[in-house]
């Protein structure tokens, strides 16, 4: 096992990994930018190292500074968290070259899954159902238009190196196709340095469902059920739950087995998530693999009772998986709300500043409440990074108990000094469409207009 792990991240996820290390008897090293010098999570680490200026490219994306910090502190492993360098194959490569363990899959797998067109071909070969579309990147608009005619409109143009909704355009008819292709390609080039696009049939009223999996270096892989992530704004998740209201035990077993076989076939090692789009008929189609820990991993932990971060570390230390598939069961229901420092009634404009009051709910009757955050009163939220400040997770005996418990918890969550998304979460959880479980990825657009 590792003696010391460096955490190449900040805030809430850095604190989550620090706590996992402490529970495993592992020392932790927290790196930080000048803007995060007073972040409360630093107090929990065994060592801290400043790695640069406030902007991400000066610090959390500065590979040289992070690797030097690992050498300076004699850390032998690096946990990337999520975001920043978590899915950066070059960084994983550099770690291996320096005899550092990158807590995640191999650079080869990261590259394979990071290129969406390659990932799609790989999953087809592994027997995973995919949305009808192009076989790979389509370089010319004429070729793309011809394939769109074959598939039938509407279609979705997607950046092969994309994420977060960048380089993505819905095309509902042939007349708008050329402009959409040009705009998506240009946006992809600016965002990812790669203009490549591929094409898929656009599924109206789809639902975003993802399967959590874990694999070791000895050919073992398990899934931990699914999460429903259809409450999204501009392809950014706001609320997640497990299990999904529309996935039954038979479908869970079938798709989970497909996921586990597929990741074993590509030599995946570590934690990951396979994302699917569900159509109105209930079919699940592959979208992508996230080669890292997900923001929403706590809902899976709450319904399985498993610690995904500790297992990531064990697997990276060349241990076999701690669980067999038949030992993993889903109990009850969990919902997570991402609390962001944003003004949802002003276009979700970021709201950095000093938090004067921060009082998350500690408990609620009949449910378990979990709060993952690094924020406390007096903390100054910097304007340079993602605006998420807290994850509120509620677990109940069933979905309705979890929903009501979350509404109660949200009503008692006091934050002052900044704007937050707490009010929107209350609105979402109270809506009949959410209460009934009959919602899709267009839910937020209809709710907020």
Protein backbone atom coordinates (compact mmCIF):
# COMPACT_ATOMS: atom_id res chain seq x y z
CA UNK A 1 0.00 0.00 0.00
CA UNK A 2 1.08 3.59 -0.57
CA UNK A 3 2.67 5.55 2.26
CA UNK A 4 1.80 8.96 0.81
CA UNK A 5 -0.58 10.16 -1.93
CA UNK A 6 -0.57 13.57 -3.60
CA UNK A 7 -4.03 14.91 -4.52
CA UNK A 8 -3.90 16.88 -7.76
CA UNK A 9 -7.14 18.73 -7.18
CA UNK A 10 -8.89 21.19 -4.89
CA UNK A 11 -11.93 21.84 -2.73
CA UNK A 12 -14.60 19.26 -2.08
CA UNK A 13 -13.07 16.36 -3.99
CA UNK A 14 -9.60 16.97 -2.51
CA UNK A 15 -11.11 16.78 0.97
CA UNK A 16 -12.98 13.59 0.03
CA UNK A 17 -9.72 11.91 -1.01
CA UNK A 18 -7.86 13.23 2.06
CA UNK A 19 -10.45 11.60 4.30
CA UNK A 20 -10.20 8.30 2.45
CA UNK A 21 -6.42 8.38 2.83
CA UNK A 22 -6.68 9.08 6.55
CA UNK A 23 -9.08 6.16 7.06
CA UNK A 24 -6.61 3.89 5.26
CA UNK A 25 -3.60 5.12 7.25
CA UNK A 26 -2.09 6.87 4.22
CA UNK A 27 -0.50 10.33 4.40
CA UNK A 28 -1.93 12.97 2.08
CA UNK A 29 -0.34 15.87 0.22
CA UNK A 30 -2.63 18.70 -0.88
CA UNK A 31 -1.45 21.00 -3.64
CA UNK A 32 -3.02 24.44 -3.98
CA UNK A 33 -3.03 27.59 -6.06
CA UNK A 34 -2.46 31.09 -4.71
CA UNK A 35 -6.23 31.63 -4.85
CA UNK A 36 -6.79 28.56 -2.63
CA UNK A 37 -4.19 29.42 0.02
CA UNK A 38 -6.92 29.77 2.66
CA UNK A 39 -9.08 26.82 1.53
CA UNK A 40 -10.25 24.85 4.61
CA UNK A 41 -9.42 21.48 3.05
CA UNK A 42 -5.70 22.23 3.34
CA UNK A 43 -5.94 21.99 7.14
CA UNK A 44 -6.84 18.29 6.84
CA UNK A 45 -3.83 17.27 4.74
CA UNK A 46 -0.55 16.04 6.18
CA UNK A 47 1.46 18.26 3.84
CA UNK A 48 0.62 21.14 1.50
CA UNK A 49 2.47 22.58 -1.48
CA UNK A 50 1.68 25.74 -3.45
CA UNK A 51 1.95 24.94 -7.16
CA UNK A 52 1.32 28.30 -8.81
CA UNK A 53 -0.95 31.18 -9.62
CA UNK A 54 -4.71 31.48 -9.37
CA UNK A 55 -5.60 30.47 -12.90
CA UNK A 56 -5.98 26.74 -13.56
CA UNK A 57 -3.28 26.69 -16.23
CA UNK A 58 -0.84 28.17 -13.71
CA UNK A 59 -1.60 25.57 -11.04
CA UNK A 60 -4.04 22.66 -11.26
CA UNK A 61 -3.27 22.14 -14.96
CA UNK A 62 0.46 22.74 -14.49
CA UNK A 63 1.78 19.20 -14.86
CA UNK A 64 5.40 20.13 -14.17
CA UNK A 65 4.56 21.85 -10.89
CA UNK A 66 2.40 18.94 -9.71
CA UNK A 67 5.02 16.34 -10.56
CA UNK A 68 7.71 18.43 -8.84
CA UNK A 69 5.48 18.60 -5.74
CA UNK A 70 5.19 14.81 -5.77
CA UNK A 71 8.97 14.46 -5.99
CA UNK A 72 9.51 17.10 -3.29
CA UNK A 73 7.16 15.35 -0.84
CA UNK A 74 8.20 11.81 -1.84
CA UNK A 75 4.63 10.89 -2.73
CA UNK A 76 4.54 7.72 -4.80
CA UNK A 77 0.97 8.04 -6.12
CA UNK A 78 -1.23 10.83 -7.47
CA UNK A 79 -5.02 10.94 -7.19
CA UNK A 80 -6.42 13.33 -9.83
CA UNK A 81 -9.98 13.57 -8.49
CA UNK A 82 -12.27 14.75 -11.30
CA UNK A 83 -11.82 17.60 -13.75
CA UNK A 84 -8.43 19.25 -14.34
CA UNK A 85 -5.98 16.42 -15.21
CA UNK A 86 -8.17 13.45 -14.28
CA UNK A 87 -8.64 12.32 -17.90
CA UNK A 88 -5.39 13.64 -19.31
CA UNK A 89 -3.46 10.79 -20.93
CA UNK A 90 -0.24 12.81 -21.20
CA UNK A 91 -0.26 13.46 -17.46
CA UNK A 92 -0.85 9.76 -16.76
CA UNK A 93 2.04 9.00 -19.12
CA UNK A 94 4.36 11.39 -17.29
CA UNK A 95 3.43 9.83 -13.95
CA UNK A 96 4.38 6.38 -15.25
CA UNK A 97 7.66 7.68 -16.68
CA UNK A 98 8.55 9.10 -13.24
CA UNK A 99 7.60 5.84 -11.49
CA UNK A 100 4.55 7.47 -9.91
CA UNK A 101 1.26 5.61 -9.72
CA UNK A 102 -1.55 7.48 -11.46
CA UNK A 103 -4.73 6.47 -9.63
CA UNK A 104 -6.80 5.79 -12.70
CA UNK A 105 -6.73 3.72 -15.88
CA UNK A 106 -3.73 3.48 -18.21
CA UNK A 107 -2.85 6.29 -20.63
CA UNK A 108 -3.81 3.96 -23.49
CA UNK A 109 -7.32 3.43 -22.12
CA UNK A 110 -7.74 7.13 -21.35
CA UNK A 111 -6.84 7.98 -24.96
CA UNK A 112 -9.07 5.25 -26.35
CA UNK A 113 -12.10 6.39 -24.37
CA UNK A 114 -11.28 10.11 -24.61
CA UNK A 115 -11.69 10.05 -28.38
CA UNK A 116 -15.44 9.57 -28.70
CA UNK A 117 -15.33 8.08 -32.18
CA UNK A 118 -12.69 5.53 -31.15
CA UNK A 119 -14.64 4.76 -27.97
CA UNK A 120 -17.77 4.13 -30.01
CA UNK A 121 -15.98 1.67 -32.34
CA UNK A 122 -14.38 -0.05 -29.35
CA UNK A 123 -17.71 -0.50 -27.59
CA UNK A 124 -19.34 -1.88 -30.74
CA UNK A 125 -16.58 -4.49 -30.87
CA UNK A 126 -17.18 -5.26 -27.18
CA UNK A 127 -20.89 -5.89 -27.73
CA UNK A 128 -22.24 -2.67 -26.20
CA UNK A 129 -25.35 -1.23 -27.93
CA UNK A 130 -24.70 2.15 -29.58
CA UNK A 131 -26.90 4.83 -31.12
CA UNK A 132 -27.06 4.57 -34.95
CA UNK A 133 -24.45 6.92 -36.39
CA UNK A 134 -21.17 7.30 -38.23
CA UNK A 135 -18.46 4.67 -37.91
CA UNK A 136 -15.92 7.30 -36.90
CA UNK A 137 -14.88 10.88 -37.51
CA UNK A 138 -16.44 12.43 -40.63
CA UNK A 139 -14.09 14.95 -42.18
CA UNK A 140 -16.27 16.38 -44.94
CA UNK A 141 -19.68 17.96 -44.63
CA UNK A 142 -20.93 16.20 -47.80
CA UNK A 143 -20.13 12.78 -46.31
CA UNK A 144 -21.75 13.74 -43.01
CA UNK A 145 -24.89 15.00 -44.75
CA UNK A 146 -25.21 11.76 -46.71
CA UNK A 147 -24.93 9.69 -43.53
CA UNK A 148 -27.50 11.94 -41.83
CA UNK A 149 -29.95 11.23 -44.67
CA UNK A 150 -29.43 7.49 -44.18
CA UNK A 151 -29.97 7.69 -40.41
CA UNK A 152 -32.83 10.18 -40.66
CA UNK A 153 -33.17 13.58 -39.05
CA UNK A 154 -32.89 14.81 -36.34
CA UNK A 155 -29.20 14.01 -35.85
CA UNK A 156 -26.57 15.09 -33.36
CA UNK A 157 -23.11 16.31 -34.35
CA UNK A 158 -20.57 15.70 -31.58
CA UNK A 159 -16.90 16.59 -31.14
CA UNK A 160 -14.79 13.45 -31.01
CA UNK A 161 -12.58 15.03 -28.31
CA UNK A 162 -15.53 16.73 -26.63
CA UNK A 163 -17.23 17.03 -23.30
CA UNK A 164 -19.48 19.39 -21.38
CA UNK A 165 -21.67 20.06 -24.41
CA UNK A 166 -18.91 21.79 -26.40
CA UNK A 167 -18.70 21.04 -30.13
CA UNK A 168 -22.23 19.64 -30.13
CA UNK A 169 -25.15 20.63 -32.39
CA UNK A 170 -28.63 19.21 -32.94
CA UNK A 171 -29.61 19.22 -36.61
CA UNK A 172 -33.33 18.81 -37.30
CA UNK A 173 -33.30 19.15 -41.07
CA UNK A 174 -30.98 19.11 -44.04
CA UNK A 175 -31.24 22.86 -44.58
CA UNK A 176 -29.47 23.69 -41.33
CA UNK A 177 -26.89 20.91 -41.57
CA UNK A 178 -23.95 22.68 -43.24
CA UNK A 179 -24.00 25.64 -40.84
CA UNK A 180 -24.32 23.32 -37.82
CA UNK A 181 -21.39 21.19 -39.04
CA UNK A 182 -19.20 24.26 -39.52
CA UNK A 183 -20.11 25.79 -36.15
CA UNK A 184 -19.64 22.54 -34.20
CA UNK A 185 -16.27 21.88 -35.84
CA UNK A 186 -15.01 25.40 -35.12
CA UNK A 187 -16.18 25.22 -31.50
CA UNK A 188 -14.49 21.82 -31.09
CA UNK A 189 -11.24 23.19 -32.49
CA UNK A 190 -11.28 26.14 -30.08
CA UNK A 191 -12.26 24.06 -27.05
CA UNK A 192 -10.19 20.90 -27.60
CA UNK A 193 -7.69 21.66 -30.36
CA UNK A 194 -9.40 18.98 -32.48
CA UNK A 195 -12.12 19.86 -35.04
CA UNK A 196 -13.16 16.24 -35.63
CA UNK A 197 -16.87 15.44 -35.49
CA UNK A 198 -18.93 12.27 -35.58
CA UNK A 199 -22.64 11.84 -36.04
CA UNK A 200 -25.42 10.11 -34.14
CA UNK A 201 -29.17 9.82 -34.40
CA UNK A 202 -30.66 12.38 -32.01
CA UNK A 203 -32.98 10.73 -29.51
CA UNK A 204 -35.86 12.98 -28.51
CA UNK A 205 -36.95 12.82 -24.89
CA UNK A 206 -33.95 10.74 -23.89
CA UNK A 207 -32.78 9.95 -20.38
CA UNK A 208 -29.17 9.97 -19.19
CA UNK A 209 -28.36 6.76 -17.31
CA UNK A 210 -24.86 5.71 -16.27
CA UNK A 211 -23.38 2.56 -14.74
CA UNK A 212 -20.62 2.76 -12.13
CA UNK A 213 -17.93 0.09 -12.45
CA UNK A 214 -14.63 -0.87 -10.86
CA UNK A 215 -11.95 -3.11 -12.36
CA UNK A 216 -8.62 -4.45 -11.14
CA UNK A 217 -5.41 -5.46 -12.92
CA UNK A 218 -6.26 -9.16 -12.71
CA UNK A 219 -9.20 -9.23 -15.12
CA UNK A 220 -11.93 -8.72 -12.52
CA UNK A 221 -14.67 -6.12 -13.01
CA UNK A 222 -17.93 -5.38 -11.22
CA UNK A 223 -20.72 -2.86 -11.64
CA UNK A 224 -22.47 -1.05 -8.83
CA UNK A 225 -25.78 -0.38 -10.51
CA UNK A 226 -26.91 2.72 -12.29
CA UNK A 227 -27.45 6.41 -11.65
CA UNK A 228 -30.10 8.59 -13.25
CA UNK A 229 -28.58 11.90 -14.36
CA UNK A 230 -31.28 13.37 -16.62
CA UNK A 231 -31.77 16.59 -14.62
CA UNK A 232 -29.33 18.70 -16.62
CA UNK A 233 -28.87 22.24 -17.80
CA UNK A 234 -26.81 22.64 -20.99
CA UNK A 235 -25.50 19.07 -20.53
CA UNK A 236 -24.36 19.89 -16.98
CA UNK A 237 -25.86 17.67 -14.29
CA UNK A 238 -27.76 19.24 -11.39
CA UNK A 239 -29.47 16.30 -9.63
CA UNK A 240 -28.55 12.62 -9.67
CA UNK A 241 -30.21 9.59 -8.11
CA UNK A 242 -29.66 5.88 -7.69
CA UNK A 243 -31.27 3.62 -8.68
CA UNK A 244 -32.99 5.04 -11.76
CA UNK A 245 -36.81 5.15 -11.59
CA UNK A 246 -36.99 3.50 -15.04
CA UNK A 247 -34.44 0.68 -14.70
CA UNK A 248 -35.70 -2.60 -13.27
CA UNK A 249 -33.64 -5.42 -11.79
CA UNK A 250 -33.57 -7.44 -15.03
CA UNK A 251 -32.30 -4.54 -17.15
CA UNK A 252 -29.78 -3.61 -14.43
CA UNK A 253 -28.37 -7.13 -14.38
CA UNK A 254 -28.25 -7.34 -18.19
CA UNK A 255 -26.61 -3.96 -18.83
CA UNK A 256 -24.33 -4.21 -15.81
CA UNK A 257 -22.96 -7.50 -17.11
CA UNK A 258 -22.38 -5.92 -20.55
CA UNK A 259 -20.51 -3.04 -18.92
CA UNK A 260 -18.30 -5.33 -16.82
CA UNK A 261 -17.43 -7.52 -19.82
CA UNK A 262 -16.65 -4.50 -22.01
CA UNK A 263 -14.27 -2.83 -19.56
CA UNK A 264 -12.51 -6.13 -18.94
CA UNK A 265 -12.04 -6.55 -22.69
CA UNK A 266 -10.24 -3.21 -23.03
CA UNK A 267 -7.98 -3.80 -20.00
CA UNK A 268 -9.53 -1.11 -17.83
CA UNK A 269 -8.14 -0.75 -14.31
CA UNK A 270 -9.75 1.53 -11.71
CA UNK A 271 -13.07 3.31 -11.27
CA UNK A 272 -15.12 4.48 -14.21
CA UNK A 273 -18.58 5.20 -15.50
CA UNK A 274 -20.25 4.06 -18.70
CA UNK A 275 -22.92 6.51 -19.79
CA UNK A 276 -26.01 5.57 -21.79
CA UNK A 277 -28.90 7.36 -23.41
CA UNK A 278 -32.32 5.74 -22.93
CA UNK A 279 -34.92 6.20 -25.65
CA UNK A 280 -38.70 6.30 -25.20
CA UNK A 281 -38.91 2.55 -25.85
CA UNK A 282 -36.56 1.82 -22.96
CA UNK A 283 -33.48 0.93 -25.01
CA UNK A 284 -30.08 1.96 -23.63
CA UNK A 285 -27.43 3.19 -26.06
CA UNK A 286 -23.76 3.81 -25.29
CA UNK A 287 -22.63 7.45 -25.11
CA UNK A 288 -19.19 7.48 -23.49
CA UNK A 289 -16.92 6.20 -20.73
CA UNK A 290 -15.71 8.61 -18.06
CA UNK A 291 -12.27 7.33 -17.05
CA UNK A 292 -12.34 8.80 -13.56
CA UNK A 293 -14.37 9.18 -10.40
CA UNK A 294 -17.65 11.03 -11.02
CA UNK A 295 -18.96 14.00 -9.05
CA UNK A 296 -22.09 11.97 -8.31
CA UNK A 297 -20.32 8.89 -6.90
CA UNK A 298 -21.82 9.44 -3.39
CA UNK A 299 -25.29 8.26 -4.44
CA UNK A 300 -23.77 4.93 -5.44
CA UNK A 301 -21.86 4.76 -2.17
CA UNK A 302 -25.06 5.43 -0.22
CA UNK A 303 -27.10 2.66 -1.86
CA UNK A 304 -24.29 0.07 -1.89
CA UNK A 305 -22.49 0.91 1.36
CA UNK A 306 -19.17 0.78 -0.53
CA UNK A 307 -16.32 3.31 -0.50
CA UNK A 308 -15.32 3.95 -4.11
CA UNK A 309 -12.36 6.20 -3.33
CA UNK A 310 -10.73 3.69 -1.01
CA UNK A 311 -11.27 0.97 -3.59
CA UNK A 312 -9.68 3.17 -6.27
CA UNK A 313 -6.59 3.40 -4.09
CA UNK A 314 -6.49 -0.34 -3.36
CA UNK A 315 -6.81 -1.25 -7.03
CA UNK A 316 -4.09 1.26 -7.96
CA UNK A 317 -1.86 -0.40 -5.35
CA UNK A 318 -2.26 -3.66 -7.31
CA UNK A 319 -4.78 -5.27 -4.98
CA UNK A 320 -7.59 -7.45 -6.29
CA UNK A 321 -11.15 -6.14 -6.06
CA UNK A 322 -12.60 -6.25 -2.57
CA UNK A 323 -16.02 -7.45 -3.74
CA UNK A 324 -17.55 -10.03 -6.03
CA UNK A 325 -20.56 -9.07 -8.14
CA UNK A 326 -22.91 -11.23 -6.07
CA UNK A 327 -21.84 -9.35 -2.93
CA UNK A 328 -23.01 -5.99 -4.30
CA UNK A 329 -26.63 -5.03 -3.66
CA UNK A 330 -28.58 -1.80 -3.92
CA UNK A 331 -30.46 -0.85 -0.76
CA UNK A 332 -32.95 2.01 -0.62
CA UNK A 333 -32.65 5.15 -2.71
CA UNK A 334 -30.26 8.11 -2.78
CA UNK A 335 -30.54 11.58 -4.34
CA UNK A 336 -27.76 14.13 -4.75
CA UNK A 337 -28.16 17.86 -5.35
CA UNK A 338 -25.13 19.82 -6.55
CA UNK A 339 -25.16 23.16 -4.76
CA UNK A 340 -23.41 25.74 -6.93
CA UNK A 341 -22.40 29.32 -6.21
CA UNK A 342 -24.57 30.60 -9.04
CA UNK A 343 -27.63 32.78 -9.56
CA UNK A 344 -30.07 30.43 -11.33
CA UNK A 345 -32.46 33.30 -12.04
CA UNK A 346 -29.78 35.27 -13.90
CA UNK A 347 -28.76 32.60 -16.37
CA UNK A 348 -26.86 30.64 -13.70
CA UNK A 349 -24.26 33.38 -13.53
CA UNK A 350 -21.38 32.44 -11.17
CA UNK A 351 -21.56 34.08 -7.74
CA UNK A 352 -18.07 34.09 -6.20
CA UNK A 353 -17.49 35.95 -2.95
CA UNK A 354 -17.30 35.49 0.80
CA UNK A 355 -19.70 33.06 2.45
CA UNK A 356 -21.01 34.77 5.60
CA UNK A 357 -23.33 31.94 6.69
CA UNK A 358 -22.98 28.26 5.80
CA UNK A 359 -25.27 25.92 7.73
CA UNK A 360 -26.00 22.66 5.89
CA UNK A 361 -28.54 20.29 7.45
CA UNK A 362 -26.89 17.70 9.66
CA UNK A 363 -29.74 15.21 9.83
CA UNK A 364 -33.38 14.61 8.96
CA UNK A 365 -35.96 12.21 10.35
CA UNK A 366 -36.18 8.84 8.63
CA UNK A 367 -33.31 9.44 6.19
CA UNK A 368 -29.52 9.69 6.18
CA UNK A 369 -28.04 13.05 5.22
CA UNK A 370 -24.52 13.39 3.84
CA UNK A 371 -22.79 16.69 3.05
CA UNK A 372 -19.63 16.70 0.94
CA UNK A 373 -18.09 20.18 1.06
CA UNK A 374 -14.97 22.14 1.92
CA UNK A 375 -16.87 25.37 2.62
CA UNK A 376 -17.36 27.02 6.00
CA UNK A 377 -18.41 30.52 7.13
CA UNK A 378 -15.84 33.14 6.14
CA UNK A 379 -14.58 31.13 3.17
CA UNK A 380 -14.01 33.21 0.04
CA UNK A 381 -15.09 31.42 -3.13
CA UNK A 382 -12.57 32.28 -5.86
CA UNK A 383 -13.83 33.17 -9.35
CA UNK A 384 -11.35 30.96 -11.21
CA UNK A 385 -12.82 27.46 -10.88
CA UNK A 386 -15.97 25.38 -11.08
CA UNK A 387 -18.78 26.92 -9.06
CA UNK A 388 -19.85 23.80 -7.15
CA UNK A 389 -19.44 24.36 -3.40
CA UNK A 390 -21.32 21.42 -1.91
CA UNK A 391 -22.99 18.11 -2.63
CA UNK A 392 -26.05 17.33 -0.53
CA UNK A 393 -26.94 13.65 -0.53
CA UNK A 394 -30.00 12.07 1.11
CA UNK A 395 -30.63 8.32 1.42
CA UNK A 396 -34.02 6.87 2.27
CA UNK A 397 -35.77 3.52 2.37
CA UNK A 398 -37.36 4.26 -1.01
CA UNK A 399 -37.43 7.01 -3.62
CA UNK A 400 -40.27 8.98 -2.11
CA UNK A 401 -38.64 8.94 1.33
CA UNK A 402 -35.41 10.21 -0.23
CA UNK A 403 -37.25 12.90 -2.21
CA UNK A 404 -39.15 14.18 0.82
CA UNK A 405 -36.02 14.00 2.94
CA UNK A 406 -34.11 16.03 0.36
CA UNK A 407 -36.83 18.68 0.26
CA UNK A 408 -36.68 18.92 4.05
CA UNK A 409 -32.88 19.12 4.00
CA UNK A 410 -32.87 21.81 1.30
CA UNK A 411 -35.39 23.90 3.25
CA UNK A 412 -33.00 23.96 6.23
CA UNK A 413 -29.82 24.65 4.24
CA UNK A 414 -28.73 28.25 5.01
CA UNK A 415 -26.13 29.97 2.85
CA UNK A 416 -25.64 33.75 2.89
CA UNK A 417 -23.20 36.11 1.24
CA UNK A 418 -23.52 34.51 -2.20
CA UNK A 419 -26.24 33.25 -4.55
CA UNK A 420 -26.79 29.49 -4.74
CA UNK A 421 -28.88 26.93 -6.62
CA UNK A 422 -30.67 25.68 -3.48
CA UNK A 423 -33.97 27.31 -4.49
CA UNK A 424 -33.92 25.67 -7.92
CA UNK A 425 -33.28 22.28 -6.34
CA UNK A 426 -36.36 22.76 -4.15
CA UNK A 427 -38.33 23.63 -7.27
CA UNK A 428 -37.04 20.55 -9.11
CA UNK A 429 -37.74 18.11 -6.27
CA UNK A 430 -41.27 19.47 -5.79
CA UNK A 431 -42.25 19.15 -9.46
CA UNK A 432 -44.71 16.40 -10.33
CA UNK A 433 -42.54 15.25 -13.23
CA UNK A 434 -39.67 14.57 -10.85
CA UNK A 435 -41.87 13.15 -8.10
CA UNK A 436 -43.37 10.65 -10.53
CA UNK A 437 -39.99 9.77 -12.06
CA UNK A 438 -41.36 10.65 -15.51
CA UNK A 439 -38.77 13.16 -16.66
CA UNK A 440 -36.05 13.39 -19.31
CA UNK A 441 -33.06 15.54 -20.25
CA UNK A 442 -35.39 18.33 -21.42
CA UNK A 443 -36.97 18.66 -17.97
CA UNK A 444 -34.96 21.69 -16.80
CA UNK A 445 -35.50 23.54 -20.07
CA UNK A 446 -39.25 23.15 -19.69
CA UNK A 447 -39.17 24.01 -15.99
CA UNK A 448 -37.03 27.15 -16.16
CA UNK A 449 -37.83 28.23 -19.71
